[in-house]
Amino acid sequence: MECILAGMAAARALDRVGGQPRIDQKIKRIISLAATLYSSEKYTTNQKCEQLHIGSKATH
């Protein structure tokens, strides 16, 4: 246990923290847009992919 705590302290000293990266505002907007487009039947799959800048294979 002491080795783990020492390793974590050393990592913190180097500004390295574990865990998943935080979701910033840009990503939140993209997620919100994707959810809106997904629930809307107004646009085709290709139009949705163009707006989200993703390939069509990512939607299947």
Protein backbone atom coordinates (compact mmCIF):
# COMPACT_ATOMS: atom_id res chain seq x y z
CA MET A 1 0.00 0.00 0.00
CA GLU A 2 2.87 2.36 0.77
CA CYS A 3 4.35 1.82 -2.69
CA ILE A 4 1.03 2.66 -4.33
CA LEU A 5 0.64 5.88 -2.35
CA ALA A 6 4.25 6.85 -3.07
CA GLY A 7 3.71 6.23 -6.78
CA MET A 8 0.53 8.29 -6.80
CA ALA A 9 2.29 11.14 -4.99
CA ALA A 10 5.13 11.03 -7.52
CA ALA A 11 2.64 11.11 -10.40
CA ARG A 12 0.83 14.09 -8.87
CA ALA A 13 4.15 15.89 -8.54
CA LEU A 14 4.55 15.51 -12.32
CA ASP A 15 0.98 16.79 -12.92
CA ARG A 16 -0.20 13.37 -13.97
CA VAL A 17 -3.54 12.37 -12.61
CA GLY A 18 -5.46 9.21 -13.37
CA GLY A 19 -9.03 8.64 -14.39
CA GLN A 20 -11.05 9.49 -17.44
CA PRO A 21 -10.58 12.86 -19.12
CA ARG A 22 -13.13 15.52 -18.30
CA ILE A 23 -15.80 16.36 -20.86
CA ASP A 24 -15.43 19.98 -21.95
CA GLN A 25 -18.16 22.27 -23.29
CA LYS A 26 -17.35 21.55 -26.95
CA ILE A 27 -17.88 17.82 -26.44
CA LYS A 28 -21.10 18.46 -24.51
CA ARG A 29 -22.47 20.49 -27.44
CA ILE A 30 -21.58 17.72 -29.89
CA ILE A 31 -23.26 15.11 -27.68
CA SER A 32 -26.37 17.28 -27.39
CA LEU A 33 -26.48 17.85 -31.16
CA ALA A 34 -26.01 14.13 -31.82
CA ALA A 35 -28.88 13.25 -29.48
CA THR A 36 -31.14 15.82 -31.14
CA LEU A 37 -30.27 14.64 -34.63
CA TYR A 38 -30.66 10.99 -33.68
CA SER A 39 -34.17 11.51 -32.33
CA SER A 40 -35.18 13.69 -35.30
CA GLU A 41 -36.50 11.99 -38.42
CA LYS A 42 -36.11 15.23 -40.35
CA TYR A 43 -32.59 14.48 -41.62
CA THR A 44 -31.06 11.54 -43.47
CA THR A 45 -28.18 9.56 -42.02
CA ASN A 46 -25.77 11.21 -44.43
CA GLN A 47 -26.91 14.69 -43.39
CA LYS A 48 -26.50 13.79 -39.72
CA CYS A 49 -22.99 12.47 -40.37
CA GLU A 50 -22.03 15.62 -42.26
CA GLN A 51 -23.19 17.86 -39.40
CA LEU A 52 -21.33 15.80 -36.80
CA HIS A 53 -18.23 15.34 -39.01
CA ILE A 54 -18.26 11.55 -38.64
CA GLY A 55 -18.35 8.66 -41.09
CA SER A 56 -21.53 6.76 -41.76
CA LYS A 57 -20.05 3.54 -40.34
CA ALA A 58 -19.90 5.21 -36.92
CA THR A 59 -23.72 5.35 -36.85
CA HIS A 60 -24.37 1.63 -37.22
